[in-house]
Protein backbone atom coordinates (compact mmCIF):
# COMPACT_ATOMS: atom_id res chain seq x y z
CA MET A 1 103.62 -42.97 3.58
CA GLU A 2 99.77 -43.21 4.47
CA SER A 3 97.90 -42.24 1.11
CA ILE A 4 94.83 -39.80 0.94
CA PRO A 5 91.93 -42.01 -0.69
CA ILE A 6 90.93 -41.26 -4.03
CA SER A 7 88.32 -43.22 -6.71
CA SER A 8 89.04 -46.55 -7.21
CA ARG A 9 89.15 -45.80 -10.94
CA THR A 10 92.34 -45.41 -12.38
CA SER A 11 93.41 -41.85 -12.40
CA ASP A 12 94.76 -40.53 -15.95
CA ILE A 13 97.38 -38.20 -15.63
CA LEU A 14 98.75 -35.79 -18.61
CA ILE A 15 102.91 -35.46 -18.09
CA VAL A 16 104.11 -32.42 -19.74
CA ASP A 17 107.77 -32.09 -20.33
CA ASP A 18 110.11 -31.05 -23.44
CA GLN A 19 112.89 -33.39 -21.66
CA PRO A 20 112.58 -37.00 -22.25
CA ALA A 21 114.42 -37.67 -18.63
CA ASN A 22 112.19 -36.08 -16.79
CA LEU A 23 108.93 -37.94 -18.52
CA GLN A 24 110.91 -40.62 -18.13
CA VAL A 25 111.40 -40.37 -14.29
CA LEU A 26 107.95 -39.14 -13.74
CA SER A 27 106.03 -41.62 -15.50
CA GLU A 28 108.08 -44.47 -13.48
CA ILE A 29 106.45 -43.02 -10.29
CA LEU A 30 102.92 -42.80 -11.13
CA LYS A 31 102.89 -45.79 -12.74
CA SER A 32 104.41 -47.87 -10.41
CA ASN A 33 101.36 -46.51 -7.69
CA GLY A 34 98.79 -47.40 -10.10
CA PHE A 35 98.36 -44.31 -12.14
CA LYS A 36 97.52 -43.78 -15.74
CA VAL A 37 100.06 -41.64 -17.22
CA ARG A 38 100.37 -40.16 -20.91
CA PRO A 39 103.60 -38.33 -21.12
CA VAL A 40 103.94 -35.66 -24.31
CA PRO A 41 106.73 -33.40 -24.90
CA SER A 42 105.22 -30.01 -26.32
CA GLY A 43 102.36 -27.59 -25.40
CA ARG A 44 100.60 -28.16 -28.40
CA LEU A 45 100.65 -31.90 -28.61
CA ALA A 46 99.28 -31.66 -24.64
CA LEU A 47 96.45 -29.12 -25.53
CA GLY A 48 95.26 -31.94 -28.57
CA ALA A 49 95.34 -34.83 -25.94
CA ALA A 50 93.81 -32.97 -23.11
CA GLU A 51 91.13 -31.90 -25.92
CA LYS A 52 90.71 -35.37 -27.27
CA GLU A 53 90.81 -37.34 -24.03
CA PRO A 54 90.25 -35.10 -20.90
CA PRO A 55 93.04 -36.23 -18.19
CA ASP A 56 92.13 -36.10 -14.37
CA LEU A 57 95.32 -34.11 -13.46
CA ILE A 58 98.23 -32.11 -15.73
CA LEU A 59 101.83 -32.01 -14.44
CA LEU A 60 103.32 -29.44 -16.42
CA ASP A 61 106.62 -27.85 -17.18
CA ILE A 62 106.97 -24.54 -17.23
CA MET A 63 110.04 -24.18 -19.10
CA MET A 64 109.12 -25.17 -22.91
CA PRO A 65 109.91 -24.29 -26.40
CA GLU A 66 107.12 -22.64 -28.88
CA MET A 67 104.63 -22.91 -25.79
CA ASP A 68 105.48 -22.61 -22.31
CA GLY A 69 103.88 -24.43 -19.18
CA TYR A 70 102.39 -20.54 -18.40
CA GLU A 71 100.36 -20.00 -21.99
CA LEU A 72 99.53 -24.01 -22.25
CA CYS A 73 97.91 -23.29 -18.59
CA ARG A 74 96.10 -19.93 -19.99
CA ARG A 75 94.35 -22.12 -22.63
CA LEU A 76 93.52 -24.83 -20.80
CA LYS A 77 91.50 -22.51 -18.39
CA GLU A 78 90.02 -20.94 -21.22
CA MET A 79 88.29 -24.02 -22.40
CA PRO A 80 85.32 -25.19 -20.61
CA LEU A 81 85.54 -28.75 -21.22
CA LEU A 82 89.40 -28.52 -19.54
CA SER A 83 89.08 -25.38 -17.39
CA HIS A 84 88.18 -27.50 -14.08
CA ILE A 85 91.52 -29.90 -14.41
CA PRO A 86 94.13 -29.51 -11.97
CA VAL A 87 97.61 -28.50 -13.24
CA ILE A 88 100.62 -28.70 -10.67
CA PHE A 89 103.42 -26.92 -12.57
CA ILE A 90 107.09 -28.82 -12.50
CA SER A 91 110.36 -26.80 -12.98
CA ALA A 92 113.72 -25.80 -11.76
CA LEU A 93 112.98 -22.48 -11.59
CA ASP A 94 112.00 -22.33 -7.81
CA GLU A 95 111.84 -18.62 -6.95
CA THR A 96 108.90 -17.00 -5.20
CA VAL A 97 107.89 -14.70 -8.15
CA ASP A 98 108.02 -17.54 -10.59
CA LYS A 99 105.74 -19.86 -8.24
CA ILE A 100 103.32 -16.80 -8.11
CA ALA A 101 103.17 -16.45 -11.92
CA GLY A 102 102.06 -20.48 -12.08
CA PHE A 103 99.47 -19.40 -9.61
CA ARG A 104 98.33 -16.94 -11.79
CA ALA A 105 98.22 -18.68 -14.81
CA GLY A 106 95.70 -21.19 -13.13
CA GLY A 107 97.83 -23.93 -11.57
CA VAL A 108 96.81 -25.28 -7.84
CA ASP A 109 100.35 -26.30 -7.05
CA TYR A 110 104.06 -26.29 -7.73
CA ILE A 111 106.69 -29.30 -7.52
CA ALA A 112 110.61 -28.35 -7.67
CA LYS A 113 113.09 -30.10 -9.95
CA PRO A 114 114.69 -32.45 -9.04
CA PHE A 115 111.55 -34.79 -7.80
CA GLU A 116 111.24 -36.52 -4.91
CA ALA A 117 108.88 -39.30 -5.55
CA GLU A 118 107.18 -38.99 -1.91
CA GLU A 119 106.42 -35.33 -2.20
CA VAL A 120 104.91 -36.16 -6.44
CA LEU A 121 102.37 -39.13 -5.36
CA ALA A 122 101.33 -37.13 -2.38
CA ARG A 123 100.46 -33.36 -4.22
CA VAL A 124 99.30 -35.74 -6.82
CA ARG A 125 97.18 -37.82 -4.67
CA ALA A 126 96.07 -34.55 -2.79
CA HIS A 127 94.66 -33.08 -5.83
CA LEU A 128 93.19 -35.71 -6.96
CA ALA A 129 91.12 -36.38 -3.93
CA LEU A 130 90.24 -32.94 -3.75
CA ARG A 131 89.05 -32.61 -7.51
CA GLN A 132 87.09 -35.82 -7.09
CA TYR A 133 85.13 -34.55 -4.29
CA GLN A 134 84.41 -31.15 -5.81
CA ASP A 135 83.18 -33.30 -8.33
CA SER A 136 81.05 -35.35 -5.80
CA LEU A 137 80.03 -31.70 -4.54
CA GLN A 138 78.73 -30.78 -7.97
CA GLU A 139 76.81 -34.00 -8.41
CA GLN A 140 75.41 -33.18 -5.07
CA ASN A 141 74.18 -29.81 -5.74
CA ARG A 142 73.08 -30.75 -9.40
CA LEU A 143 70.53 -33.53 -7.77
CA ILE A 144 69.64 -30.79 -5.13
CA GLU A 145 68.72 -28.20 -7.66
CA GLN A 146 67.28 -31.17 -9.29
CA ASN A 147 64.79 -32.24 -6.30
CA TYR A 148 64.07 -28.54 -5.89
CA ASP A 149 62.99 -27.87 -9.49
CA ARG A 150 60.73 -30.86 -9.17
CA LEU A 151 59.56 -29.97 -5.45
CA GLN A 152 58.77 -26.37 -6.84
CA GLU A 153 57.07 -28.00 -10.02
CA LEU A 154 54.54 -29.71 -7.27
CA GLU A 155 54.18 -27.28 -5.08
CA LYS A 156 52.90 -25.07 -8.18
CA MET A 157 50.47 -28.14 -9.00
CA ARG A 158 49.13 -27.93 -4.94
CA ASP A 159 48.63 -24.45 -4.82
CA GLN A 160 46.70 -24.51 -8.74
CA LEU A 161 44.48 -27.46 -7.19
CA THR A 162 44.14 -25.57 -3.77
CA HIS A 163 43.10 -22.35 -5.46
CA MET A 164 40.60 -23.95 -7.70
CA ILE A 165 39.19 -25.83 -4.83
CA VAL A 166 39.50 -22.57 -2.74
CA HIS A 167 37.82 -20.18 -5.21
CA ASP A 168 34.61 -23.10 -5.95
CA MET A 169 34.40 -22.54 -2.17
CA ARG A 170 34.28 -18.88 -2.08
CA ASN A 171 31.38 -19.11 -4.86
CA LEU A 172 29.57 -21.56 -2.80
CA LEU A 173 29.92 -19.66 0.51
CA THR A 174 28.55 -16.18 -1.05
CA GLY A 175 25.71 -18.41 -1.68
CA VAL A 176 25.00 -19.63 1.90
CA GLY A 177 25.68 -16.02 2.93
CA ALA A 178 23.24 -14.51 0.69
CA SER A 179 20.90 -16.77 1.32
CA LEU A 180 21.45 -16.80 5.18
CA LEU A 181 20.74 -13.06 4.90
CA MET A 182 17.67 -13.23 3.05
CA LEU A 183 16.35 -15.38 5.67
CA GLN A 184 17.71 -13.15 8.77
CA LYS A 185 15.65 -10.53 7.10
CA ASP A 186 12.70 -12.70 5.81
CA LEU A 187 12.49 -14.44 9.51
CA ALA A 188 13.51 -11.62 11.62
CA GLU A 189 10.44 -10.97 13.27
CA LYS A 190 8.87 -14.81 13.38
CA LEU A 191 11.78 -16.26 14.95
CA ASP A 192 12.37 -15.81 18.87
CA ASP A 193 16.08 -14.51 20.72
CA ARG A 194 17.71 -17.78 20.37
CA SER A 195 16.87 -18.54 17.12
CA ASN A 196 17.77 -15.12 15.48
CA ARG A 197 21.25 -15.52 17.29
CA LEU A 198 21.93 -18.53 15.87
CA LEU A 199 21.20 -17.37 12.67
CA ASN A 200 23.26 -14.31 12.63
CA SER A 201 26.08 -16.25 14.03
CA ALA A 202 25.73 -18.71 10.64
CA ALA A 203 25.83 -15.11 8.47
CA VAL A 204 29.02 -14.06 10.37
CA CYS A 205 30.51 -17.88 10.08
CA ALA A 206 29.93 -17.36 6.64
CA ARG A 207 31.16 -14.10 6.35
CA GLU A 208 34.87 -15.39 8.10
CA LEU A 209 34.92 -18.14 5.54
CA SER A 210 34.63 -16.37 2.62
CA ASP A 211 36.74 -13.95 4.23
CA MET A 212 39.49 -16.72 4.50
CA CYS A 213 39.21 -18.05 0.77
CA ASN A 214 39.54 -14.00 0.31
CA ASN A 215 42.82 -14.09 1.75
CA LEU A 216 43.97 -16.84 0.87
CA LEU A 217 43.92 -16.10 -2.94
CA ASP A 218 44.59 -12.78 -2.76
CA VAL A 219 47.68 -13.83 -0.58
CA SER A 220 48.76 -15.79 -3.53
CA LYS A 221 48.45 -13.04 -6.07
CA LEU A 222 50.27 -10.44 -3.92
CA GLU A 223 53.44 -13.08 -3.36
CA GLU A 224 53.35 -13.39 -7.61
CA ASN A 225 53.25 -9.44 -7.89
CA GLN A 226 49.59 -10.20 -9.83
CA MET A 227 47.46 -8.12 -7.99
CA GLN A 228 46.40 -5.46 -10.22
CA LEU A 229 45.76 -1.97 -8.29
CA ASN A 230 42.82 0.08 -8.68
CA LEU A 231 44.14 3.14 -7.47
CA SER A 232 41.90 6.35 -6.18
CA GLU A 233 41.98 8.83 -3.46
CA CYS A 234 40.57 7.22 0.11
CA GLY A 235 39.86 8.66 3.29
CA LEU A 236 41.31 6.49 5.99
CA LEU A 237 38.53 7.92 8.23
CA GLU A 238 35.64 7.27 5.94
CA LEU A 239 37.18 3.57 5.67
CA SER A 240 37.35 3.20 8.90
CA ARG A 241 33.71 3.93 9.97
CA ALA A 242 33.05 1.21 6.70
CA ALA A 243 35.03 -1.32 8.17
CA LEU A 244 33.45 -0.68 12.02
CA GLU A 245 30.05 -1.08 10.73
CA LYS A 246 30.69 -4.35 9.12
CA LEU A 247 32.08 -5.67 12.45
CA ARG A 248 29.22 -4.38 14.67
CA PRO A 249 28.18 -7.45 15.65
CA VAL A 250 31.76 -8.20 16.88
CA VAL A 251 32.12 -4.94 18.87
CA GLN A 252 29.37 -5.41 21.53
CA ASN A 253 30.37 -3.26 24.42
CA ARG A 254 33.91 -2.82 23.50
CA SER A 255 34.92 1.21 23.27
CA VAL A 256 35.80 2.18 19.75
CA SER A 257 37.70 5.71 19.38
CA ILE A 258 37.75 7.56 16.10
CA PRO A 259 38.74 10.98 15.22
CA PRO A 260 36.58 13.48 14.29
CA ALA A 261 35.66 13.54 10.30
CA ASN A 262 37.56 17.30 9.71
CA GLN A 263 40.81 15.21 10.96
CA GLU A 264 40.23 12.70 7.82
CA LEU A 265 43.66 12.03 5.61
CA LEU A 266 43.87 11.09 2.35
CA VAL A 267 46.01 8.47 0.40
CA PHE A 268 45.92 7.07 -3.19
CA ALA A 269 45.41 3.67 -3.35
CA ASP A 270 43.16 0.64 -4.00
CA ARG A 271 40.12 1.25 -2.11
CA ASP A 272 39.02 -2.24 -1.77
CA ILE A 273 42.56 -3.34 -0.53
CA LEU A 274 42.82 -0.56 2.17
CA LEU A 275 38.99 -0.98 3.73
CA ARG A 276 40.29 -4.81 4.13
CA ILE A 277 43.67 -4.14 5.51
CA ILE A 278 41.81 -1.55 7.89
CA PHE A 279 39.13 -4.57 8.36
CA ASN A 280 41.43 -6.86 9.67
CA LEU A 281 43.36 -4.31 11.68
CA LEU A 282 39.99 -3.56 13.72
CA HIS A 283 38.91 -7.15 13.85
CA ASN A 284 41.92 -8.23 14.84
CA ALA A 285 41.78 -6.10 17.56
CA LEU A 286 38.37 -6.68 18.65
CA LYS A 287 39.07 -10.24 19.05
CA PHE A 288 41.84 -9.83 21.13
CA THR A 289 40.55 -7.68 23.12
CA ASP A 290 37.70 -8.21 26.50
CA SER A 291 34.29 -7.46 25.66
CA ASP A 292 34.22 -4.35 27.94
CA GLY A 293 37.99 -3.14 26.23
CA VAL A 294 39.35 -0.25 24.46
CA ILE A 295 40.15 0.05 21.02
CA ALA A 296 41.59 3.30 19.57
CA ILE A 297 42.02 4.28 15.81
CA ALA A 298 44.76 7.32 15.50
CA LEU A 299 46.17 9.64 12.22
CA GLN A 300 49.41 10.62 11.54
CA GLY A 301 50.57 12.70 8.28
CA THR A 302 53.45 14.10 6.83
CA GLU A 303 54.08 15.72 3.60
CA ALA A 304 55.14 12.28 2.38
CA LEU A 305 53.56 9.90 4.59
CA VAL A 306 50.83 8.81 6.25
CA ARG A 307 50.21 6.54 9.19
CA TYR A 308 46.87 4.99 10.45
CA SER A 309 47.36 3.21 14.18
CA VAL A 310 45.20 1.27 15.91
CA THR A 311 45.87 0.40 19.49
CA ASP A 312 43.94 -2.34 22.09
CA ASN A 313 44.01 -3.02 25.76
CA GLY A 314 44.51 -6.74 24.99
CA PRO A 315 47.58 -9.10 26.28
CA GLY A 316 49.83 -8.35 24.20
CA ILE A 317 52.13 -9.98 21.68
CA PRO A 318 55.57 -11.39 23.30
CA CYS A 319 58.96 -9.81 21.49
CA GLU A 320 59.65 -13.03 19.96
CA PHE A 321 56.37 -13.04 18.05
CA ARG A 322 55.99 -10.07 16.76
CA GLU A 323 57.49 -10.82 12.96
CA LYS A 324 55.59 -14.53 12.93
CA ILE A 325 51.98 -13.01 12.79
CA PHE A 326 52.98 -10.98 9.83
CA GLN A 327 54.16 -14.66 8.42
CA LYS A 328 51.78 -17.13 6.61
CA PHE A 329 50.19 -18.82 8.39
CA GLY A 330 51.82 -17.82 11.37
CA GLN A 331 49.61 -17.51 14.93
CA VAL A 332 50.98 -17.09 17.98
CA ASN A 333 48.63 -19.18 21.06
CA CYS A 334 47.24 -17.02 24.17
CA THR A 335 45.92 -19.04 26.42
CA LYS A 336 43.27 -16.66 27.35
CA TYR A 337 42.35 -16.19 24.08
CA LYS A 338 42.05 -19.44 22.70
CA ARG A 339 38.95 -19.68 21.87
CA ASN A 340 39.13 -17.12 19.29
CA LEU A 341 42.13 -18.43 17.06
CA CYS A 342 39.83 -20.15 14.53
CA SER A 343 41.29 -18.02 11.74
CA THR A 344 43.76 -19.28 8.95
CA GLY A 345 46.55 -16.84 10.21
CA LEU A 346 46.75 -15.00 6.64
CA GLY A 347 44.78 -11.52 7.52
CA LEU A 348 48.20 -10.02 9.01
CA THR A 349 49.99 -11.72 6.24
CA PHE A 350 47.54 -10.03 3.33
CA CYS A 351 47.89 -6.80 5.30
CA LYS A 352 51.56 -7.14 5.03
CA LEU A 353 51.92 -8.08 1.42
CA ALA A 354 49.21 -5.38 0.87
CA ALA A 355 50.97 -3.00 2.36
CA GLU A 356 54.16 -3.37 0.69
CA ALA A 357 52.26 -3.57 -2.90
CA HIS A 358 51.22 0.21 -2.23
CA HIS A 359 55.07 1.01 -1.26
CA GLY A 360 54.02 1.00 2.14
CA ARG A 361 54.80 -0.93 5.37
CA ILE A 362 53.33 -2.41 8.44
CA TRP A 363 54.66 -3.50 12.04
CA VAL A 364 53.52 -3.39 15.39
CA GLU A 365 54.37 -2.50 18.91
CA SER A 366 53.49 -4.40 21.99
CA GLU A 367 53.68 -4.57 25.65
CA ALA A 368 52.59 -7.97 27.64
CA GLY A 369 49.74 -7.43 29.36
CA VAL A 370 49.20 -3.96 28.59
CA GLY A 371 48.51 -3.85 24.60
CA SER A 372 49.20 -3.83 21.36
CA THR A 373 49.21 -1.27 18.36
CA PHE A 374 49.40 -1.73 14.90
CA HIS A 375 50.65 0.99 12.51
CA LEU A 376 50.30 1.39 8.69
CA GLU A 377 52.20 3.89 6.82
CA LEU A 378 51.24 4.52 3.56
CA PRO A 379 53.01 7.21 1.02
CA ILE A 380 51.18 10.42 -0.14
CA ASN A 381 51.29 10.53 -3.77
CA ARG A 382 49.10 10.46 -7.24
CA GLU A 383 51.42 8.24 -9.04
CA HIS A 384 51.16 4.14 -9.50
CA PRO A 385 53.14 2.87 -7.23
């Protein structure tokens, strides 16, 4: 009969039976096959022996005086040090009800008397191999958890270093941007058109780099629920006009339609964060729309919700990428607009996390070759989210 492979270490088996003849038979079967055997005649002695030196497996008779096998098994399973040890019941009781009672007490198998040596060895080897396999899995899981914890520590250190660098970069870029704006103001009339365009381009790049730094820092805060919201009543159309004013150099010949002021809808939100969401949505639409393209802002409202939508007639977004674009550093390569893909892929991630921080949501509807509509839905309430 082919043996099931088990550890080269001699397995320790505790045999519990109040009949000396049974102890002798089982001991001879197991010893002759290389197992270490400890026979004990009672449940009380078995409990003490197992506590002193936990065995690899227990063969346990059911019908014993003082403490029967069911009771002993239940006690073993209640003890953390011994609960993992497989227990195989041995008994002349061969009714289904007896076997079920053994499994309910915590046993893993059942051997009926009189013993067949091959059956005893087969079941013992199978459960020892299974136990060792489970131990191996637990050790692997422990190492995986240990490595995962270490990886998290390293990622935290990396993020902290990145945040310090980005924070310092943002401060420097703020200074660069302010200097460029002063130069634009002081030298606008002294420089030719080409020089003014170059100076304006440098100012725009400095502002976009600063926005990238802000997005990176704020996405991390939002992920860790550390972003503090300063809530106030905000008008979505008023914020849209403010965002478009900032985007004036990018708009160029594109048509941007916005509802009239009398259709204004209000939400209770963090004004600065909501302005950045709207800015990102409009900037995204402008970036992926031709210079003579069309962009439309729309509002819908109910008693509970406000939906803010930005529609463009750009290339559209394939279905398989509509979730990816909201993921951290997720970008969709579009050959036609590849020259514009200079962002970090954090703008829409920030929008998604910021909307969720307000108990809202953001999503996109799109058709390839027709365009896209980004929807921002926010609750109308005067309570802190």
